[in-house]
Amino acid sequence: MARPKSKTEATSLKMTPEVRDLWERCAAAEHRSLTNMFEVMVREHAKKLKLKPAPVPAVPPTQPTDNK
C-alpha cells in the first residue's frame, strides 16, 4: 500500500546495542532501510492496538506571484 507523499521529521532514538543489532538484522533480512523497517514495525504494532494515524492537516495551495 503506497503512502501519500508528505514531509518527514527527524527523530533521535536511544537504544541498547542488542536492540540496535536486532533492528539492523530485521531490516537486512527484509532488504529494508532502518527508517523503513522502523516505520513498518510501528505501523504493524499500531494495527494490533487498533490505532489509526491522526489526519494530516491540508496545506493550502500557494498563490502564484505576479512578477510585473
PDB file of N, CA and C in Angstrom:
ATOM      1  N   MET A   1       0.845  -1.175   0.000  1.00  0.00           N
ATOM      2  CA  MET A   1       0.000   0.000   0.000  1.00  0.00           C
ATOM      3  C   MET A   1       0.890   1.239   0.000  1.00  0.00           C
ATOM      4  N   ALA A   2       0.748   2.071  -1.005  1.00  0.00           N
ATOM      5  CA  ALA A   2       1.584   3.273  -1.123  1.00  0.00           C
ATOM      6  C   ALA A   2       1.100   4.342  -0.159  1.00  0.00           C
ATOM      7  N   ARG A   3       2.064   5.007   0.444  1.00  0.00           N
ATOM      8  CA  ARG A   3       1.734   6.100   1.354  1.00  0.00           C
ATOM      9  C   ARG A   3       1.706   7.400   0.583  1.00  0.00           C
ATOM     10  N   PRO A   4       0.865   8.340   1.029  1.00  0.00           N
ATOM     11  CA  PRO A   4       0.892   9.643   0.374  1.00  0.00           C
ATOM     12  C   PRO A   4       2.202  10.353   0.662  1.00  0.00           C
ATOM     13  N   LYS A   5       2.651  11.150  -0.296  1.00  0.00           N
ATOM     14  CA  LYS A   5       3.885  11.907  -0.098  1.00  0.00           C
ATOM     15  C   LYS A   5       3.641  12.966   0.968  1.00  0.00           C
ATOM     16  N   SER A   6       4.527  13.046   1.934  1.00  0.00           N
ATOM     17  CA  SER A   6       4.413  14.053   2.980  1.00  0.00           C
ATOM     18  C   SER A   6       5.803  14.395   3.492  1.00  0.00           C
ATOM     19  N   LYS A   7       5.864  15.482   4.227  1.00  0.00           N
ATOM     20  CA  LYS A   7       7.141  15.873   4.805  1.00  0.00           C
ATOM     21  C   LYS A   7       7.542  14.858   5.865  1.00  0.00           C
ATOM     22  N   THR A   8       8.825  14.718   6.062  1.00  0.00           N
ATOM     23  CA  THR A   8       9.312  13.807   7.089  1.00  0.00           C
ATOM     24  C   THR A   8       9.859  14.612   8.256  1.00  0.00           C
ATOM     25  N   GLU A   9       9.993  13.965   9.392  1.00  0.00           N
ATOM     26  CA  GLU A   9      10.542  14.588  10.584  1.00  0.00           C
ATOM     27  C   GLU A   9      11.707  13.746  11.079  1.00  0.00           C
ATOM     28  N   ALA A  10      12.754  14.414  11.505  1.00  0.00           N
ATOM     29  CA  ALA A  10      13.908  13.716  12.067  1.00  0.00           C
ATOM     30  C   ALA A  10      13.632  13.397  13.530  1.00  0.00           C
ATOM     31  N   THR A  11      14.057  12.214  13.955  1.00  0.00           N
ATOM     32  CA  THR A  11      13.876  11.769  15.329  1.00  0.00           C
ATOM     33  C   THR A  11      15.148  11.092  15.788  1.00  0.00           C
ATOM     34  N   SER A  12      15.486  11.306  17.029  1.00  0.00           N
ATOM     35  CA  SER A  12      16.662  10.673  17.608  1.00  0.00           C
ATOM     36  C   SER A  12      16.201   9.593  18.582  1.00  0.00           C
ATOM     37  N   LEU A  13      16.814   8.429  18.510  1.00  0.00           N
ATOM     38  CA  LEU A  13      16.453   7.319  19.392  1.00  0.00           C
ATOM     39  C   LEU A  13      17.675   6.836  20.166  1.00  0.00           C
ATOM     40  N   LYS A  14      17.451   6.443  21.388  1.00  0.00           N
ATOM     41  CA  LYS A  14      18.495   5.776  22.163  1.00  0.00           C
ATOM     42  C   LYS A  14      18.005   4.361  22.431  1.00  0.00           C
ATOM     43  N   MET A  15      18.878   3.399  22.224  1.00  0.00           N
ATOM     44  CA  MET A  15      18.515   2.005  22.466  1.00  0.00           C
ATOM     45  C   MET A  15      19.762   1.221  22.835  1.00  0.00           C
ATOM     46  N   THR A  16      19.538   0.071  23.395  1.00  0.00           N
ATOM     47  CA  THR A  16      20.672  -0.777  23.759  1.00  0.00           C
ATOM     48  C   THR A  16      21.325  -1.328  22.496  1.00  0.00           C
ATOM     49  N   PRO A  17      22.585  -1.690  22.576  1.00  0.00           N
ATOM     50  CA  PRO A  17      23.241  -2.287  21.404  1.00  0.00           C
ATOM     51  C   PRO A  17      22.526  -3.551  20.918  1.00  0.00           C
ATOM     52  N   GLU A  18      21.952  -4.320  21.838  1.00  0.00           N
ATOM     53  CA  GLU A  18      21.242  -5.544  21.449  1.00  0.00           C
ATOM     54  C   GLU A  18      20.018  -5.224  20.589  1.00  0.00           C
ATOM     55  N   VAL A  19      19.254  -4.200  21.001  1.00  0.00           N
ATOM     56  CA  VAL A  19      18.066  -3.828  20.230  1.00  0.00           C
ATOM     57  C   VAL A  19      18.483  -3.249  18.879  1.00  0.00           C
ATOM     58  N   ARG A  20      19.537  -2.438  18.863  1.00  0.00           N
ATOM     59  CA  ARG A  20      20.027  -1.873  17.594  1.00  0.00           C
ATOM     60  C   ARG A  20      20.439  -2.998  16.644  1.00  0.00           C
ATOM     61  N   ASP A  21      21.127  -4.004  17.177  1.00  0.00           N
ATOM     62  CA  ASP A  21      21.549  -5.138  16.362  1.00  0.00           C
ATOM     63  C   ASP A  21      20.343  -5.878  15.785  1.00  0.00           C
ATOM     64  N   LEU A  22      19.326  -6.109  16.608  1.00  0.00           N
ATOM     65  CA  LEU A  22      18.117  -6.781  16.118  1.00  0.00           C
ATOM     66  C   LEU A  22      17.415  -5.953  15.049  1.00  0.00           C
ATOM     67  N   TRP A  23      17.347  -4.655  15.259  1.00  0.00           N
ATOM     68  CA  TRP A  23      16.729  -3.744  14.292  1.00  0.00           C
ATOM     69  C   TRP A  23      17.458  -3.822  12.946  1.00  0.00           C
ATOM     70  N   GLU A  24      18.782  -3.770  12.997  1.00  0.00           N
ATOM     71  CA  GLU A  24      19.582  -3.853  11.774  1.00  0.00           C
ATOM     72  C   GLU A  24      19.404  -5.197  11.080  1.00  0.00           C
ATOM     73  N   ARG A  25      19.366  -6.270  11.861  1.00  0.00           N
ATOM     74  CA  ARG A  25      19.219  -7.600  11.271  1.00  0.00           C
ATOM     75  C   ARG A  25      17.832  -7.797  10.674  1.00  0.00           C
ATOM     76  N   CYS A  26      16.793  -7.261  11.335  1.00  0.00           N
ATOM     77  CA  CYS A  26      15.435  -7.330  10.775  1.00  0.00           C
ATOM     78  C   CYS A  26      15.379  -6.586   9.445  1.00  0.00           C
ATOM     79  N   ALA A  27      15.948  -5.395   9.416  1.00  0.00           N
ATOM     80  CA  ALA A  27      15.948  -4.592   8.187  1.00  0.00           C
ATOM     81  C   ALA A  27      16.701  -5.314   7.072  1.00  0.00           C
ATOM     82  N   ALA A  28      17.859  -5.848   7.382  1.00  0.00           N
ATOM     83  CA  ALA A  28      18.664  -6.545   6.380  1.00  0.00           C
ATOM     84  C   ALA A  28      17.935  -7.787   5.853  1.00  0.00           C
ATOM     85  N   ALA A  29      17.258  -8.502   6.737  1.00  0.00           N
ATOM     86  CA  ALA A  29      16.561  -9.719   6.326  1.00  0.00           C
ATOM     87  C   ALA A  29      15.437  -9.423   5.339  1.00  0.00           C
ATOM     88  N   GLU A  30      14.867  -8.215   5.412  1.00  0.00           N
ATOM     89  CA  GLU A  30      13.779  -7.838   4.507  1.00  0.00           C
ATOM     90  C   GLU A  30      14.233  -6.831   3.450  1.00  0.00           C
ATOM     91  N   HIS A  31      15.541  -6.625   3.346  1.00  0.00           N
ATOM     92  CA  HIS A  31      16.112  -5.689   2.366  1.00  0.00           C
ATOM     93  C   HIS A  31      15.475  -4.305   2.496  1.00  0.00           C
ATOM     94  N   ARG A  32      15.393  -3.821   3.727  1.00  0.00           N
ATOM     95  CA  ARG A  32      14.802  -2.511   4.013  1.00  0.00           C
ATOM     96  C   ARG A  32      15.853  -1.598   4.628  1.00  0.00           C
ATOM     97  N   SER A  33      15.603  -0.300   4.530  1.00  0.00           N
ATOM     98  CA  SER A  33      16.433   0.658   5.267  1.00  0.00           C
ATOM     99  C   SER A  33      15.997   0.612   6.731  1.00  0.00           C
ATOM    100  N   LEU A  34      16.827   1.138   7.610  1.00  0.00           N
ATOM    101  CA  LEU A  34      16.454   1.189   9.023  1.00  0.00           C
ATOM    102  C   LEU A  34      15.199   2.041   9.216  1.00  0.00           C
ATOM    103  N   THR A  35      15.120   3.144   8.499  1.00  0.00           N
ATOM    104  CA  THR A  35      13.946   4.010   8.611  1.00  0.00           C
ATOM    105  C   THR A  35      12.689   3.268   8.186  1.00  0.00           C
ATOM    106  N   ASN A  36      12.753   2.601   7.043  1.00  0.00           N
ATOM    107  CA  ASN A  36      11.588   1.882   6.560  1.00  0.00           C
ATOM    108  C   ASN A  36      11.217   0.755   7.516  1.00  0.00           C
ATOM    109  N   MET A  37      12.201   0.043   8.050  1.00  0.00           N
ATOM    110  CA  MET A  37      11.919  -1.044   8.987  1.00  0.00           C
ATOM    111  C   MET A  37      11.229  -0.511  10.229  1.00  0.00           C
ATOM    112  N   PHE A  38      11.689   0.632  10.725  1.00  0.00           N
ATOM    113  CA  PHE A  38      11.083   1.244  11.905  1.00  0.00           C
ATOM    114  C   PHE A  38       9.628   1.605  11.625  1.00  0.00           C
ATOM    115  N   GLU A  39       9.373   2.226  10.470  1.00  0.00           N
ATOM    116  CA  GLU A  39       8.007   2.601  10.118  1.00  0.00           C
ATOM    117  C   GLU A  39       7.107   1.370  10.001  1.00  0.00           C
ATOM    118  N   VAL A  40       7.603   0.328   9.383  1.00  0.00           N
ATOM    119  CA  VAL A  40       6.821  -0.910   9.241  1.00  0.00           C
ATOM    120  C   VAL A  40       6.494  -1.489  10.616  1.00  0.00           C
ATOM    121  N   MET A  41       7.479  -1.534  11.497  1.00  0.00           N
ATOM    122  CA  MET A  41       7.248  -2.108  12.833  1.00  0.00           C
ATOM    123  C   MET A  41       6.236  -1.284  13.627  1.00  0.00           C
ATOM    124  N   VAL A  42       6.351   0.045  13.554  1.00  0.00           N
ATOM    125  CA  VAL A  42       5.415   0.906  14.285  1.00  0.00           C
ATOM    126  C   VAL A  42       4.006   0.749  13.726  1.00  0.00           C
ATOM    127  N   ARG A  43       3.875   0.740  12.394  1.00  0.00           N
ATOM    128  CA  ARG A  43       2.552   0.588  11.793  1.00  0.00           C
ATOM    129  C   ARG A  43       1.924  -0.765  12.137  1.00  0.00           C
ATOM    130  N   GLU A  44       2.720  -1.833  12.128  1.00  0.00           N
ATOM    131  CA  GLU A  44       2.192  -3.157  12.484  1.00  0.00           C
ATOM    132  C   GLU A  44       1.750  -3.191  13.943  1.00  0.00           C
ATOM    133  N   HIS A  45       2.520  -2.579  14.815  1.00  0.00           N
ATOM    134  CA  HIS A  45       2.149  -2.566  16.233  1.00  0.00           C
ATOM    135  C   HIS A  45       0.891  -1.722  16.446  1.00  0.00           C
ATOM    136  N   ALA A  46       0.812  -0.579  15.775  1.00  0.00           N
ATOM    137  CA  ALA A  46      -0.376   0.273  15.889  1.00  0.00           C
ATOM    138  C   ALA A  46      -1.619  -0.471  15.399  1.00  0.00           C
ATOM    139  N   LYS A  47      -1.455  -1.255  14.327  1.00  0.00           N
ATOM    140  CA  LYS A  47      -2.582  -2.022  13.799  1.00  0.00           C
ATOM    141  C   LYS A  47      -3.064  -3.033  14.844  1.00  0.00           C
ATOM    142  N   LYS A  48      -2.127  -3.683  15.544  1.00  0.00           N
ATOM    143  CA  LYS A  48      -2.504  -4.634  16.595  1.00  0.00           C
ATOM    144  C   LYS A  48      -3.285  -3.946  17.707  1.00  0.00           C
ATOM    145  N   LEU A  49      -2.938  -2.680  17.976  1.00  0.00           N
ATOM    146  CA  LEU A  49      -3.609  -1.904  19.026  1.00  0.00           C
ATOM    147  C   LEU A  49      -4.852  -1.182  18.507  1.00  0.00           C
ATOM    148  N   LYS A  50      -5.156  -1.392  17.218  1.00  0.00           N
ATOM    149  CA  LYS A  50      -6.302  -0.755  16.559  1.00  0.00           C
ATOM    150  C   LYS A  50      -6.202   0.769  16.616  1.00  0.00           C
ATOM    151  N   LEU A  51      -4.989   1.277  16.404  1.00  0.00           N
ATOM    152  CA  LEU A  51      -4.749   2.717  16.355  1.00  0.00           C
ATOM    153  C   LEU A  51      -4.615   3.146  14.901  1.00  0.00           C
ATOM    154  N   LYS A  52      -5.146   4.311  14.593  1.00  0.00           N
ATOM    155  CA  LYS A  52      -5.013   4.862  13.246  1.00  0.00           C
ATOM    156  C   LYS A  52      -4.253   6.179  13.347  1.00  0.00           C
ATOM    157  N   PRO A  53      -3.491   6.524  12.313  1.00  0.00           N
ATOM    158  CA  PRO A  53      -2.776   7.799  12.357  1.00  0.00           C
ATOM    159  C   PRO A  53      -3.743   8.978  12.393  1.00  0.00           C
ATOM    160  N   ALA A  54      -3.325  10.034  13.059  1.00  0.00           N
ATOM    161  CA  ALA A  54      -4.130  11.254  13.085  1.00  0.00           C
ATOM    162  C   ALA A  54      -4.165  11.845  11.685  1.00  0.00           C
ATOM    163  N   PRO A  55      -5.268  12.484  11.317  1.00  0.00           N
ATOM    164  CA  PRO A  55      -5.323  13.087   9.987  1.00  0.00           C
ATOM    165  C   PRO A  55      -4.287  14.194   9.852  1.00  0.00           C
ATOM    166  N   VAL A  56      -3.690  14.269   8.679  1.00  0.00           N
ATOM    167  CA  VAL A  56      -2.689  15.294   8.400  1.00  0.00           C
ATOM    168  C   VAL A  56      -3.427  16.534   7.915  1.00  0.00           C
ATOM    169  N   PRO A  57      -3.162  17.696   8.528  1.00  0.00           N
ATOM    170  CA  PRO A  57      -3.875  18.894   8.080  1.00  0.00           C
ATOM    171  C   PRO A  57      -3.520  19.235   6.638  1.00  0.00           C
ATOM    172  N   ALA A  58      -4.521  19.672   5.897  1.00  0.00           N
ATOM    173  CA  ALA A  58      -4.303  20.039   4.499  1.00  0.00           C
ATOM    174  C   ALA A  58      -3.486  21.313   4.425  1.00  0.00           C
ATOM    175  N   VAL A  59      -2.559  21.351   3.491  1.00  0.00           N
ATOM    176  CA  VAL A  59      -1.734  22.533   3.278  1.00  0.00           C
ATOM    177  C   VAL A  59      -2.378  23.338   2.157  1.00  0.00           C
ATOM    178  N   PRO A  60      -2.696  24.617   2.431  1.00  0.00           N
ATOM    179  CA  PRO A  60      -3.327  25.398   1.365  1.00  0.00           C
ATOM    180  C   PRO A  60      -2.372  25.591   0.194  1.00  0.00           C
ATOM    181  N   PRO A  61      -2.895  25.589  -1.031  1.00  0.00           N
ATOM    182  CA  PRO A  61      -2.010  25.771  -2.188  1.00  0.00           C
ATOM    183  C   PRO A  61      -1.384  27.161  -2.160  1.00  0.00           C
ATOM    184  N   THR A  62      -0.178  27.259  -2.659  1.00  0.00           N
ATOM    185  CA  THR A  62       0.498  28.555  -2.706  1.00  0.00           C
ATOM    186  C   THR A  62      -0.054  29.360  -3.874  1.00  0.00           C
ATOM    187  N   GLN A  63      -0.147  30.648  -3.674  1.00  0.00           N
ATOM    188  CA  GLN A  63      -0.628  31.542  -4.721  1.00  0.00           C
ATOM    189  C   GLN A  63       0.516  31.926  -5.636  1.00  0.00           C
ATOM    190  N   PRO A  64       0.312  31.905  -6.951  1.00  0.00           N
ATOM    191  CA  PRO A  64       1.393  32.326  -7.856  1.00  0.00           C
ATOM    192  C   PRO A  64       1.680  33.814  -7.656  1.00  0.00           C
ATOM    193  N   THR A  65       2.942  34.168  -7.758  1.00  0.00           N
ATOM    194  CA  THR A  65       3.316  35.561  -7.605  1.00  0.00           C
ATOM    195  C   THR A  65       3.277  36.259  -8.952  1.00  0.00           C
ATOM    196  N   ASP A  66       2.889  37.500  -8.950  1.00  0.00           N
ATOM    197  CA  ASP A  66       2.806  38.302 -10.176  1.00  0.00           C
ATOM    198  C   ASP A  66       4.049  39.171 -10.230  1.00  0.00           C
ATOM    199  N   ASN A  67       5.030  38.772 -11.021  1.00  0.00           N
ATOM    200  CA  ASN A  67       6.320  39.491 -11.095  1.00  0.00           C
ATOM    201  C   ASN A  67       6.328  40.469 -12.257  1.00  0.00           C
ATOM    202  N   LYS A  68       5.529  41.514 -12.159  1.00  0.00           N
ATOM    203  CA  LYS A  68       5.498  42.505 -13.239  1.00  0.00           C
ATOM    204  C   LYS A  68       6.215  43.751 -12.837  1.00  0.00           C
TER     205      LYS A  68
END
